[in-house]
Amino acid sequence: MLNTKLCYAPQNDWSNDDYYSLHRYLHRLVLHADRKKDEIEQLDIQKMSEKTRVLLYCIISYYHLEELFELSNLQKLVECKPLPEPLVLSSYGLKEENVYYRMNVRL
């Protein structure tokens, strides 16, 4: 079995819990950008699914870490469009209007 990072894994038949795990992985990566800068600079968004790119965009935007969009490998994230279908990550519910809602992701 190949050791594929979660952000590049095929998402066939993923459940909401799987997407929630992906969100948590990306969330920790972004929130620890000061310590994880090398790993962030290695991310290849071209290998990511549309959903993964949108999740990454949402996390960066939600925490106002837009300076990460200046990294050459992440610059194209600013071109993300809302997902055509809602991506529901959990039933806990983050209800206020925010970048996740604008990008059709439901927490």
PDB file of N, CA and C in Angstrom:
ATOM      1  N   MET A   1       0.840  -1.184   0.000  1.00  0.00           N
ATOM      2  CA  MET A   1       0.000   0.000   0.000  1.00  0.00           C
ATOM      3  C   MET A   1       0.884   1.246   0.000  1.00  0.00           C
ATOM      4  N   LEU A   2       0.543   2.183  -0.835  1.00  0.00           N
ATOM      5  CA  LEU A   2       1.304   3.414  -0.905  1.00  0.00           C
ATOM      6  C   LEU A   2       1.015   4.288   0.311  1.00  0.00           C
ATOM      7  N   ASN A   3       2.011   4.986   0.758  1.00  0.00           N
ATOM      8  CA  ASN A   3       1.864   5.891   1.886  1.00  0.00           C
ATOM      9  C   ASN A   3       1.557   7.287   1.335  1.00  0.00           C
ATOM     10  N   THR A   4       0.300   7.551   1.037  1.00  0.00           N
ATOM     11  CA  THR A   4      -0.134   8.808   0.455  1.00  0.00           C
ATOM     12  C   THR A   4      -0.600   9.745   1.556  1.00  0.00           C
ATOM     13  N   LYS A   5      -0.139  10.988   1.508  1.00  0.00           N
ATOM     14  CA  LYS A   5      -0.626  11.974   2.469  1.00  0.00           C
ATOM     15  C   LYS A   5      -2.127  12.128   2.301  1.00  0.00           C
ATOM     16  N   LEU A   6      -2.786  12.389   3.398  1.00  0.00           N
ATOM     17  CA  LEU A   6      -4.232  12.517   3.408  1.00  0.00           C
ATOM     18  C   LEU A   6      -4.735  13.555   2.407  1.00  0.00           C
ATOM     19  N   CYS A   7      -3.989  14.628   2.230  1.00  0.00           N
ATOM     20  CA  CYS A   7      -4.444  15.690   1.328  1.00  0.00           C
ATOM     21  C   CYS A   7      -4.371  15.298  -0.147  1.00  0.00           C
ATOM     22  N   TYR A   8      -3.701  14.196  -0.478  1.00  0.00           N
ATOM     23  CA  TYR A   8      -3.610  13.718  -1.858  1.00  0.00           C
ATOM     24  C   TYR A   8      -4.372  12.408  -2.066  1.00  0.00           C
ATOM     25  N   ALA A   9      -4.950  11.876  -1.016  1.00  0.00           N
ATOM     26  CA  ALA A   9      -5.619  10.574  -1.097  1.00  0.00           C
ATOM     27  C   ALA A   9      -6.839  10.640  -2.006  1.00  0.00           C
ATOM     28  N   PRO A  10      -7.098   9.550  -2.735  1.00  0.00           N
ATOM     29  CA  PRO A  10      -8.327   9.493  -3.527  1.00  0.00           C
ATOM     30  C   PRO A  10      -9.531   9.563  -2.587  1.00  0.00           C
ATOM     31  N   GLN A  11     -10.545  10.285  -2.979  1.00  0.00           N
ATOM     32  CA  GLN A  11     -11.685  10.510  -2.085  1.00  0.00           C
ATOM     33  C   GLN A  11     -12.929   9.737  -2.521  1.00  0.00           C
ATOM     34  N   ASN A  12     -12.730   8.651  -3.220  1.00  0.00           N
ATOM     35  CA  ASN A  12     -13.851   7.802  -3.623  1.00  0.00           C
ATOM     36  C   ASN A  12     -14.504   7.225  -2.373  1.00  0.00           C
ATOM     37  N   ASP A  13     -15.795   7.357  -2.288  1.00  0.00           N
ATOM     38  CA  ASP A  13     -16.575   6.781  -1.180  1.00  0.00           C
ATOM     39  C   ASP A  13     -16.195   7.323   0.190  1.00  0.00           C
ATOM     40  N   TRP A  14     -15.724   8.559   0.264  1.00  0.00           N
ATOM     41  CA  TRP A  14     -15.408   9.139   1.558  1.00  0.00           C
ATOM     42  C   TRP A  14     -16.691   9.509   2.299  1.00  0.00           C
ATOM     43  N   SER A  15     -16.674   9.346   3.597  1.00  0.00           N
ATOM     44  CA  SER A  15     -17.793   9.756   4.450  1.00  0.00           C
ATOM     45  C   SER A  15     -17.528  11.178   4.961  1.00  0.00           C
ATOM     46  N   ASN A  16     -18.526  11.744   5.614  1.00  0.00           N
ATOM     47  CA  ASN A  16     -18.343  13.060   6.234  1.00  0.00           C
ATOM     48  C   ASN A  16     -17.211  13.023   7.246  1.00  0.00           C
ATOM     49  N   ASP A  17     -17.085  11.909   7.968  1.00  0.00           N
ATOM     50  CA  ASP A  17     -16.013  11.776   8.957  1.00  0.00           C
ATOM     51  C   ASP A  17     -14.632  11.800   8.299  1.00  0.00           C
ATOM     52  N   ASP A  18     -14.527  11.206   7.114  1.00  0.00           N
ATOM     53  CA  ASP A  18     -13.250  11.233   6.390  1.00  0.00           C
ATOM     54  C   ASP A  18     -12.874  12.659   6.010  1.00  0.00           C
ATOM     55  N   TYR A  19     -13.859  13.409   5.518  1.00  0.00           N
ATOM     56  CA  TYR A  19     -13.591  14.814   5.170  1.00  0.00           C
ATOM     57  C   TYR A  19     -13.293  15.635   6.418  1.00  0.00           C
ATOM     58  N   TYR A  20     -13.948  15.309   7.510  1.00  0.00           N
ATOM     59  CA  TYR A  20     -13.657  15.999   8.762  1.00  0.00           C
ATOM     60  C   TYR A  20     -12.207  15.729   9.188  1.00  0.00           C
ATOM     61  N   SER A  21     -11.744  14.511   9.036  1.00  0.00           N
ATOM     62  CA  SER A  21     -10.344  14.173   9.360  1.00  0.00           C
ATOM     63  C   SER A  21      -9.383  14.948   8.461  1.00  0.00           C
ATOM     64  N   LEU A  22      -9.713  15.051   7.201  1.00  0.00           N
ATOM     65  CA  LEU A  22      -8.889  15.846   6.279  1.00  0.00           C
ATOM     66  C   LEU A  22      -8.861  17.298   6.730  1.00  0.00           C
ATOM     67  N   HIS A  23     -10.021  17.820   7.096  1.00  0.00           N
ATOM     68  CA  HIS A  23     -10.097  19.201   7.573  1.00  0.00           C
ATOM     69  C   HIS A  23      -9.220  19.400   8.803  1.00  0.00           C
ATOM     70  N   ARG A  24      -9.267  18.474   9.742  1.00  0.00           N
ATOM     71  CA  ARG A  24      -8.452  18.584  10.963  1.00  0.00           C
ATOM     72  C   ARG A  24      -6.960  18.542  10.628  1.00  0.00           C
ATOM     73  N   TYR A  25      -6.578  17.674   9.704  1.00  0.00           N
ATOM     74  CA  TYR A  25      -5.174  17.589   9.282  1.00  0.00           C
ATOM     75  C   TYR A  25      -4.717  18.925   8.702  1.00  0.00           C
ATOM     76  N   LEU A  26      -5.484  19.461   7.770  1.00  0.00           N
ATOM     77  CA  LEU A  26      -5.113  20.742   7.142  1.00  0.00           C
ATOM     78  C   LEU A  26      -5.164  21.877   8.163  1.00  0.00           C
ATOM     79  N   HIS A  27      -6.128  21.825   9.049  1.00  0.00           N
ATOM     80  CA  HIS A  27      -6.288  22.839  10.092  1.00  0.00           C
ATOM     81  C   HIS A  27      -5.031  22.907  10.964  1.00  0.00           C
ATOM     82  N   ARG A  28      -4.577  21.756  11.425  1.00  0.00           N
ATOM     83  CA  ARG A  28      -3.360  21.728  12.261  1.00  0.00           C
ATOM     84  C   ARG A  28      -2.145  22.225  11.479  1.00  0.00           C
ATOM     85  N   LEU A  29      -2.059  21.840  10.231  1.00  0.00           N
ATOM     86  CA  LEU A  29      -0.939  22.264   9.401  1.00  0.00           C
ATOM     87  C   LEU A  29      -0.896  23.787   9.283  1.00  0.00           C
ATOM     88  N   VAL A  30      -2.034  24.384   8.966  1.00  0.00           N
ATOM     89  CA  VAL A  30      -2.101  25.838   8.782  1.00  0.00           C
ATOM     90  C   VAL A  30      -1.894  26.579  10.093  1.00  0.00           C
ATOM     91  N   LEU A  31      -2.515  26.107  11.159  1.00  0.00           N
ATOM     92  CA  LEU A  31      -2.384  26.813  12.437  1.00  0.00           C
ATOM     93  C   LEU A  31      -0.977  26.738  13.014  1.00  0.00           C
ATOM     94  N   HIS A  32      -0.207  25.779  12.570  1.00  0.00           N
ATOM     95  CA  HIS A  32       1.182  25.670  13.015  1.00  0.00           C
ATOM     96  C   HIS A  32       2.134  26.030  11.874  1.00  0.00           C
ATOM     97  N   ALA A  33       1.698  26.975  11.047  1.00  0.00           N
ATOM     98  CA  ALA A  33       2.482  27.362   9.871  1.00  0.00           C
ATOM     99  C   ALA A  33       3.885  27.835  10.245  1.00  0.00           C
ATOM    100  N   ASP A  34       4.021  28.433  11.416  1.00  0.00           N
ATOM    101  CA  ASP A  34       5.341  28.892  11.831  1.00  0.00           C
ATOM    102  C   ASP A  34       6.311  27.722  11.978  1.00  0.00           C
ATOM    103  N   ARG A  35       5.813  26.577  12.454  1.00  0.00           N
ATOM    104  CA  ARG A  35       6.661  25.390  12.618  1.00  0.00           C
ATOM    105  C   ARG A  35       6.604  24.450  11.416  1.00  0.00           C
ATOM    106  N   LYS A  36       5.564  24.547  10.627  1.00  0.00           N
ATOM    107  CA  LYS A  36       5.338  23.615   9.526  1.00  0.00           C
ATOM    108  C   LYS A  36       5.550  24.259   8.157  1.00  0.00           C
ATOM    109  N   LYS A  37       6.273  25.367   8.136  1.00  0.00           N
ATOM    110  CA  LYS A  37       6.438  26.108   6.885  1.00  0.00           C
ATOM    111  C   LYS A  37       7.048  25.247   5.778  1.00  0.00           C
ATOM    112  N   ASP A  38       8.036  24.430   6.103  1.00  0.00           N
ATOM    113  CA  ASP A  38       8.651  23.574   5.081  1.00  0.00           C
ATOM    114  C   ASP A  38       7.626  22.625   4.474  1.00  0.00           C
ATOM    115  N   GLU A  39       6.796  22.031   5.324  1.00  0.00           N
ATOM    116  CA  GLU A  39       5.772  21.108   4.835  1.00  0.00           C
ATOM    117  C   GLU A  39       4.735  21.845   3.984  1.00  0.00           C
ATOM    118  N   ILE A  40       4.354  23.028   4.404  1.00  0.00           N
ATOM    119  CA  ILE A  40       3.388  23.828   3.642  1.00  0.00           C
ATOM    120  C   ILE A  40       3.958  24.212   2.282  1.00  0.00           C
ATOM    121  N   GLU A  41       5.223  24.570   2.257  1.00  0.00           N
ATOM    122  CA  GLU A  41       5.854  24.949   0.982  1.00  0.00           C
ATOM    123  C   GLU A  41       5.992  23.768   0.027  1.00  0.00           C
ATOM    124  N   GLN A  42       5.872  22.554   0.536  1.00  0.00           N
ATOM    125  CA  GLN A  42       5.952  21.347  -0.292  1.00  0.00           C
ATOM    126  C   GLN A  42       4.592  20.909  -0.830  1.00  0.00           C
ATOM    127  N   LEU A  43       3.520  21.512  -0.343  1.00  0.00           N
ATOM    128  CA  LEU A  43       2.188  21.112  -0.799  1.00  0.00           C
ATOM    129  C   LEU A  43       2.041  21.352  -2.298  1.00  0.00           C
ATOM    130  N   ASP A  44       1.461  20.400  -2.975  1.00  0.00           N
ATOM    131  CA  ASP A  44       1.206  20.512  -4.415  1.00  0.00           C
ATOM    132  C   ASP A  44      -0.298  20.552  -4.621  1.00  0.00           C
ATOM    133  N   ILE A  45      -0.846  21.755  -4.746  1.00  0.00           N
ATOM    134  CA  ILE A  45      -2.297  21.861  -4.846  1.00  0.00           C
ATOM    135  C   ILE A  45      -2.832  21.274  -6.149  1.00  0.00           C
ATOM    136  N   GLN A  46      -1.973  21.104  -7.145  1.00  0.00           N
ATOM    137  CA  GLN A  46      -2.412  20.485  -8.396  1.00  0.00           C
ATOM    138  C   GLN A  46      -2.754  19.007  -8.189  1.00  0.00           C
ATOM    139  N   LYS A  47      -2.170  18.381  -7.187  1.00  0.00           N
ATOM    140  CA  LYS A  47      -2.444  16.971  -6.890  1.00  0.00           C
ATOM    141  C   LYS A  47      -3.651  16.796  -5.972  1.00  0.00           C
ATOM    142  N   MET A  48      -4.191  17.886  -5.479  1.00  0.00           N
ATOM    143  CA  MET A  48      -5.307  17.842  -4.542  1.00  0.00           C
ATOM    144  C   MET A  48      -6.630  17.876  -5.291  1.00  0.00           C
ATOM    145  N   SER A  49      -7.627  17.287  -4.674  1.00  0.00           N
ATOM    146  CA  SER A  49      -8.973  17.376  -5.233  1.00  0.00           C
ATOM    147  C   SER A  49      -9.503  18.799  -5.040  1.00  0.00           C
ATOM    148  N   GLU A  50     -10.568  19.102  -5.739  1.00  0.00           N
ATOM    149  CA  GLU A  50     -11.214  20.406  -5.590  1.00  0.00           C
ATOM    150  C   GLU A  50     -11.664  20.610  -4.149  1.00  0.00           C
ATOM    151  N   LYS A  51     -12.199  19.579  -3.528  1.00  0.00           N
ATOM    152  CA  LYS A  51     -12.666  19.688  -2.143  1.00  0.00           C
ATOM    153  C   LYS A  51     -11.513  19.977  -1.187  1.00  0.00           C
ATOM    154  N   THR A  52     -10.390  19.339  -1.405  1.00  0.00           N
ATOM    155  CA  THR A  52      -9.228  19.570  -0.545  1.00  0.00           C
ATOM    156  C   THR A  52      -8.724  20.999  -0.716  1.00  0.00           C
ATOM    157  N   ARG A  53      -8.659  21.474  -1.950  1.00  0.00           N
ATOM    158  CA  ARG A  53      -8.218  22.853  -2.187  1.00  0.00           C
ATOM    159  C   ARG A  53      -9.166  23.846  -1.515  1.00  0.00           C
ATOM    160  N   VAL A  54     -10.467  23.609  -1.624  1.00  0.00           N
ATOM    161  CA  VAL A  54     -11.439  24.505  -1.003  1.00  0.00           C
ATOM    162  C   VAL A  54     -11.306  24.469   0.514  1.00  0.00           C
ATOM    163  N   LEU A  55     -11.116  23.306   1.099  1.00  0.00           N
ATOM    164  CA  LEU A  55     -10.914  23.229   2.549  1.00  0.00           C
ATOM    165  C   LEU A  55      -9.688  24.022   2.977  1.00  0.00           C
ATOM    166  N   LEU A  56      -8.603  23.864   2.248  1.00  0.00           N
ATOM    167  CA  LEU A  56      -7.378  24.599   2.566  1.00  0.00           C
ATOM    168  C   LEU A  56      -7.604  26.099   2.443  1.00  0.00           C
ATOM    169  N   TYR A  57      -8.282  26.507   1.380  1.00  0.00           N
ATOM    170  CA  TYR A  57      -8.613  27.928   1.185  1.00  0.00           C
ATOM    171  C   TYR A  57      -9.448  28.448   2.357  1.00  0.00           C
ATOM    172  N   CYS A  58     -10.461  27.680   2.765  1.00  0.00           N
ATOM    173  CA  CYS A  58     -11.332  28.100   3.865  1.00  0.00           C
ATOM    174  C   CYS A  58     -10.553  28.278   5.165  1.00  0.00           C
ATOM    175  N   ILE A  59      -9.700  27.338   5.462  1.00  0.00           N
ATOM    176  CA  ILE A  59      -8.928  27.410   6.708  1.00  0.00           C
ATOM    177  C   ILE A  59      -8.019  28.632   6.722  1.00  0.00           C
ATOM    178  N   ILE A  60      -7.297  28.825   5.644  1.00  0.00           N
ATOM    179  CA  ILE A  60      -6.395  29.982   5.561  1.00  0.00           C
ATOM    180  C   ILE A  60      -7.186  31.281   5.686  1.00  0.00           C
ATOM    181  N   SER A  61      -8.299  31.369   4.984  1.00  0.00           N
ATOM    182  CA  SER A  61      -9.110  32.595   5.008  1.00  0.00           C
ATOM    183  C   SER A  61      -9.777  32.804   6.358  1.00  0.00           C
ATOM    184  N   TYR A  62     -10.301  31.749   6.951  1.00  0.00           N
ATOM    185  CA  TYR A  62     -11.008  31.858   8.225  1.00  0.00           C
ATOM    186  C   TYR A  62     -10.098  32.429   9.309  1.00  0.00           C
ATOM    187  N   TYR A  63      -8.850  32.034   9.301  1.00  0.00           N
ATOM    188  CA  TYR A  63      -7.907  32.494  10.319  1.00  0.00           C
ATOM    189  C   TYR A  63      -7.099  33.712   9.872  1.00  0.00           C
ATOM    190  N   HIS A  64      -7.484  34.300   8.758  1.00  0.00           N
ATOM    191  CA  HIS A  64      -6.837  35.512   8.249  1.00  0.00           C
ATOM    192  C   HIS A  64      -5.328  35.343   8.105  1.00  0.00           C
ATOM    193  N   LEU A  65      -4.944  34.205   7.539  1.00  0.00           N
ATOM    194  CA  LEU A  65      -3.530  33.921   7.294  1.00  0.00           C
ATOM    195  C   LEU A  65      -3.225  34.057   5.800  1.00  0.00           C
ATOM    196  N   GLU A  66      -3.792  35.091   5.201  1.00  0.00           N
ATOM    197  CA  GLU A  66      -3.681  35.296   3.765  1.00  0.00           C
ATOM    198  C   GLU A  66      -2.245  35.399   3.262  1.00  0.00           C
ATOM    199  N   GLU A  67      -1.309  35.652   4.149  1.00  0.00           N
ATOM    200  CA  GLU A  67       0.099  35.687   3.720  1.00  0.00           C
ATOM    201  C   GLU A  67       0.527  34.332   3.162  1.00  0.00           C
ATOM    202  N   LEU A  68      -0.162  33.270   3.550  1.00  0.00           N
ATOM    203  CA  LEU A  68       0.153  31.953   2.989  1.00  0.00           C
ATOM    204  C   LEU A  68      -0.185  31.879   1.501  1.00  0.00           C
ATOM    205  N   PHE A  69      -1.140  32.684   1.053  1.00  0.00           N
ATOM    206  CA  PHE A  69      -1.469  32.727  -0.370  1.00  0.00           C
ATOM    207  C   PHE A  69      -0.329  33.323  -1.199  1.00  0.00           C
ATOM    208  N   GLU A  70       0.606  33.955  -0.547  1.00  0.00           N
ATOM    209  CA  GLU A  70       1.755  34.531  -1.247  1.00  0.00           C
ATOM    210  C   GLU A  70       2.821  33.483  -1.563  1.00  0.00           C
ATOM    211  N   LEU A  71       2.754  32.325  -0.919  1.00  0.00           N
ATOM    212  CA  LEU A  71       3.694  31.252  -1.243  1.00  0.00           C
ATOM    213  C   LEU A  71       3.424  30.798  -2.674  1.00  0.00           C
ATOM    214  N   SER A  72       4.471  30.598  -3.434  1.00  0.00           N
ATOM    215  CA  SER A  72       4.297  30.290  -4.855  1.00  0.00           C
ATOM    216  C   SER A  72       3.430  29.050  -5.089  1.00  0.00           C
ATOM    217  N   ASN A  73       3.523  28.071  -4.219  1.00  0.00           N
ATOM    218  CA  ASN A  73       2.736  26.843  -4.415  1.00  0.00           C
ATOM    219  C   ASN A  73       1.271  27.002  -4.012  1.00  0.00           C
ATOM    220  N   LEU A  74       0.923  28.068  -3.284  1.00  0.00           N
ATOM    221  CA  LEU A  74      -0.456  28.259  -2.830  1.00  0.00           C
ATOM    222  C   LEU A  74      -1.165  29.422  -3.506  1.00  0.00           C
ATOM    223  N   GLN A  75      -0.484  30.138  -4.371  1.00  0.00           N
ATOM    224  CA  GLN A  75      -1.068  31.320  -4.991  1.00  0.00           C
ATOM    225  C   GLN A  75      -2.372  31.035  -5.734  1.00  0.00           C
ATOM    226  N   LYS A  76      -2.475  29.899  -6.388  1.00  0.00           N
ATOM    227  CA  LYS A  76      -3.672  29.564  -7.172  1.00  0.00           C
ATOM    228  C   LYS A  76      -4.891  29.273  -6.291  1.00  0.00           C
ATOM    229  N   LEU A  77      -4.686  29.101  -4.987  1.00  0.00           N
ATOM    230  CA  LEU A  77      -5.828  28.864  -4.103  1.00  0.00           C
ATOM    231  C   LEU A  77      -6.810  30.030  -4.117  1.00  0.00           C
ATOM    232  N   VAL A  78      -6.324  31.233  -4.367  1.00  0.00           N
ATOM    233  CA  VAL A  78      -7.224  32.390  -4.369  1.00  0.00           C
ATOM    234  C   VAL A  78      -8.244  32.310  -5.507  1.00  0.00           C
ATOM    235  N   GLU A  79      -8.039  31.408  -6.442  1.00  0.00           N
ATOM    236  CA  GLU A  79      -8.967  31.223  -7.553  1.00  0.00           C
ATOM    237  C   GLU A  79     -10.057  30.198  -7.234  1.00  0.00           C
ATOM    238  N   CYS A  80     -10.048  29.644  -6.032  1.00  0.00           N
ATOM    239  CA  CYS A  80     -11.056  28.652  -5.647  1.00  0.00           C
ATOM    240  C   CYS A  80     -12.453  29.235  -5.778  1.00  0.00           C
ATOM    241  N   LYS A  81     -13.346  28.406  -6.253  1.00  0.00           N
ATOM    242  CA  LYS A  81     -14.769  28.751  -6.364  1.00  0.00           C
ATOM    243  C   LYS A  81     -15.543  27.881  -5.380  1.00  0.00           C
ATOM    244  N   PRO A  82     -16.730  28.330  -4.975  1.00  0.00           N
ATOM    245  CA  PRO A  82     -17.547  27.496  -4.091  1.00  0.00           C
ATOM    246  C   PRO A  82     -17.825  26.131  -4.721  1.00  0.00           C
ATOM    247  N   LEU A  83     -17.892  25.132  -3.885  1.00  0.00           N
ATOM    248  CA  LEU A  83     -18.193  23.782  -4.357  1.00  0.00           C
ATOM    249  C   LEU A  83     -19.606  23.738  -4.934  1.00  0.00           C
ATOM    250  N   PRO A  84     -19.811  22.954  -5.988  1.00  0.00           N
ATOM    251  CA  PRO A  84     -21.145  22.884  -6.586  1.00  0.00           C
ATOM    252  C   PRO A  84     -22.171  22.209  -5.671  1.00  0.00           C
ATOM    253  N   GLU A  85     -21.726  21.292  -4.838  1.00  0.00           N
ATOM    254  CA  GLU A  85     -22.595  20.600  -3.880  1.00  0.00           C
ATOM    255  C   GLU A  85     -22.053  20.839  -2.475  1.00  0.00           C
ATOM    256  N   PRO A  86     -22.912  20.959  -1.479  1.00  0.00           N
ATOM    257  CA  PRO A  86     -22.414  21.162  -0.115  1.00  0.00           C
ATOM    258  C   PRO A  86     -21.528  20.005   0.348  1.00  0.00           C
ATOM    259  N   LEU A  87     -20.478  20.355   1.029  1.00  0.00           N
ATOM    260  CA  LEU A  87     -19.597  19.375   1.668  1.00  0.00           C
ATOM    261  C   LEU A  87     -19.858  19.484   3.168  1.00  0.00           C
ATOM    262  N   VAL A  88     -20.502  18.492   3.740  1.00  0.00           N
ATOM    263  CA  VAL A  88     -20.867  18.510   5.156  1.00  0.00           C
ATOM    264  C   VAL A  88     -19.809  17.728   5.916  1.00  0.00           C
ATOM    265  N   LEU A  89     -19.126  18.408   6.826  1.00  0.00           N
ATOM    266  CA  LEU A  89     -18.043  17.787   7.585  1.00  0.00           C
ATOM    267  C   LEU A  89     -18.513  17.192   8.897  1.00  0.00           C
ATOM    268  N   SER A  90     -19.566  17.755   9.464  1.00  0.00           N
ATOM    269  CA  SER A  90     -20.050  17.252  10.746  1.00  0.00           C
ATOM    270  C   SER A  90     -21.467  17.754  10.975  1.00  0.00           C
ATOM    271  N   SER A  91     -22.066  17.259  12.005  1.00  0.00           N
ATOM    272  CA  SER A  91     -23.410  17.711  12.351  1.00  0.00           C
ATOM    273  C   SER A  91     -23.387  18.703  13.512  1.00  0.00           C
ATOM    274  N   TYR A  92     -22.201  19.139  13.902  1.00  0.00           N
ATOM    275  CA  TYR A  92     -22.087  20.038  15.042  1.00  0.00           C
ATOM    276  C   TYR A  92     -22.598  21.428  14.724  1.00  0.00           C
ATOM    277  N   GLY A  93     -22.309  21.894  13.547  1.00  0.00           N
ATOM    278  CA  GLY A  93     -22.906  23.134  13.080  1.00  0.00           C
ATOM    279  C   GLY A  93     -22.218  24.412  13.487  1.00  0.00           C
ATOM    280  N   LEU A  94     -21.449  24.953  12.570  1.00  0.00           N
ATOM    281  CA  LEU A  94     -20.918  26.312  12.690  1.00  0.00           C
ATOM    282  C   LEU A  94     -21.864  27.147  11.852  1.00  0.00           C
ATOM    283  N   LYS A  95     -22.779  27.855  12.478  1.00  0.00           N
ATOM    284  CA  LYS A  95     -23.915  28.432  11.775  1.00  0.00           C
ATOM    285  C   LYS A  95     -23.701  29.845  11.238  1.00  0.00           C
ATOM    286  N   GLU A  96     -22.760  30.586  11.767  1.00  0.00           N
ATOM    287  CA  GLU A  96     -22.650  31.969  11.326  1.00  0.00           C
ATOM    288  C   GLU A  96     -22.105  32.051   9.894  1.00  0.00           C
ATOM    289  N   GLU A  97     -22.417  33.121   9.245  1.00  0.00           N
ATOM    290  CA  GLU A  97     -21.916  33.375   7.888  1.00  0.00           C
ATOM    291  C   GLU A  97     -20.397  33.505   7.967  1.00  0.00           C
ATOM    292  N   ASN A  98     -19.702  32.752   7.145  1.00  0.00           N
ATOM    293  CA  ASN A  98     -18.250  32.804   7.131  1.00  0.00           C
ATOM    294  C   ASN A  98     -17.745  32.247   5.809  1.00  0.00           C
ATOM    295  N   VAL A  99     -16.443  32.154   5.661  1.00  0.00           N
ATOM    296  CA  VAL A  99     -15.854  31.690   4.412  1.00  0.00           C
ATOM    297  C   VAL A  99     -16.278  30.266   4.094  1.00  0.00           C
ATOM    298  N   TYR A 100     -16.471  29.430   5.093  1.00  0.00           N
ATOM    299  CA  TYR A 100     -16.902  28.047   4.832  1.00  0.00           C
ATOM    300  C   TYR A 100     -18.272  28.049   4.139  1.00  0.00           C
ATOM    301  N   TYR A 101     -19.216  28.830   4.646  1.00  0.00           N
ATOM    302  CA  TYR A 101     -20.538  28.886   4.019  1.00  0.00           C
ATOM    303  C   TYR A 101     -20.449  29.429   2.594  1.00  0.00           C
ATOM    304  N   ARG A 102     -19.634  30.440   2.401  1.00  0.00           N
ATOM    305  CA  ARG A 102     -19.494  31.016   1.050  1.00  0.00           C
ATOM    306  C   ARG A 102     -18.940  30.000   0.070  1.00  0.00           C
ATOM    307  N   MET A 103     -18.097  29.068   0.565  1.00  0.00           N
ATOM    308  CA  MET A 103     -17.476  28.067  -0.306  1.00  0.00           C
ATOM    309  C   MET A 103     -18.260  26.745  -0.310  1.00  0.00           C
ATOM    310  N   ASN A 104     -19.450  26.746   0.308  1.00  0.00           N
ATOM    311  CA  ASN A 104     -20.362  25.603   0.320  1.00  0.00           C
ATOM    312  C   ASN A 104     -19.820  24.411   1.118  1.00  0.00           C
ATOM    313  N   VAL A 105     -19.167  24.732   2.233  1.00  0.00           N
ATOM    314  CA  VAL A 105     -18.664  23.720   3.167  1.00  0.00           C
ATOM    315  C   VAL A 105     -19.409  23.919   4.475  1.00  0.00           C
ATOM    316  N   ARG A 106     -19.942  22.848   5.027  1.00  0.00           N
ATOM    317  CA  ARG A 106     -20.710  22.924   6.263  1.00  0.00           C
ATOM    318  C   ARG A 106     -19.999  22.179   7.380  1.00  0.00           C
ATOM    319  N   LEU A 107     -19.721  22.912   8.443  1.00  0.00           N
ATOM    320  CA  LEU A 107     -19.098  22.319   9.623  1.00  0.00           C
ATOM    321  C   LEU A 107     -20.155  21.905  10.613  1.00  0.00           C
TER     322      LEU A 107
END
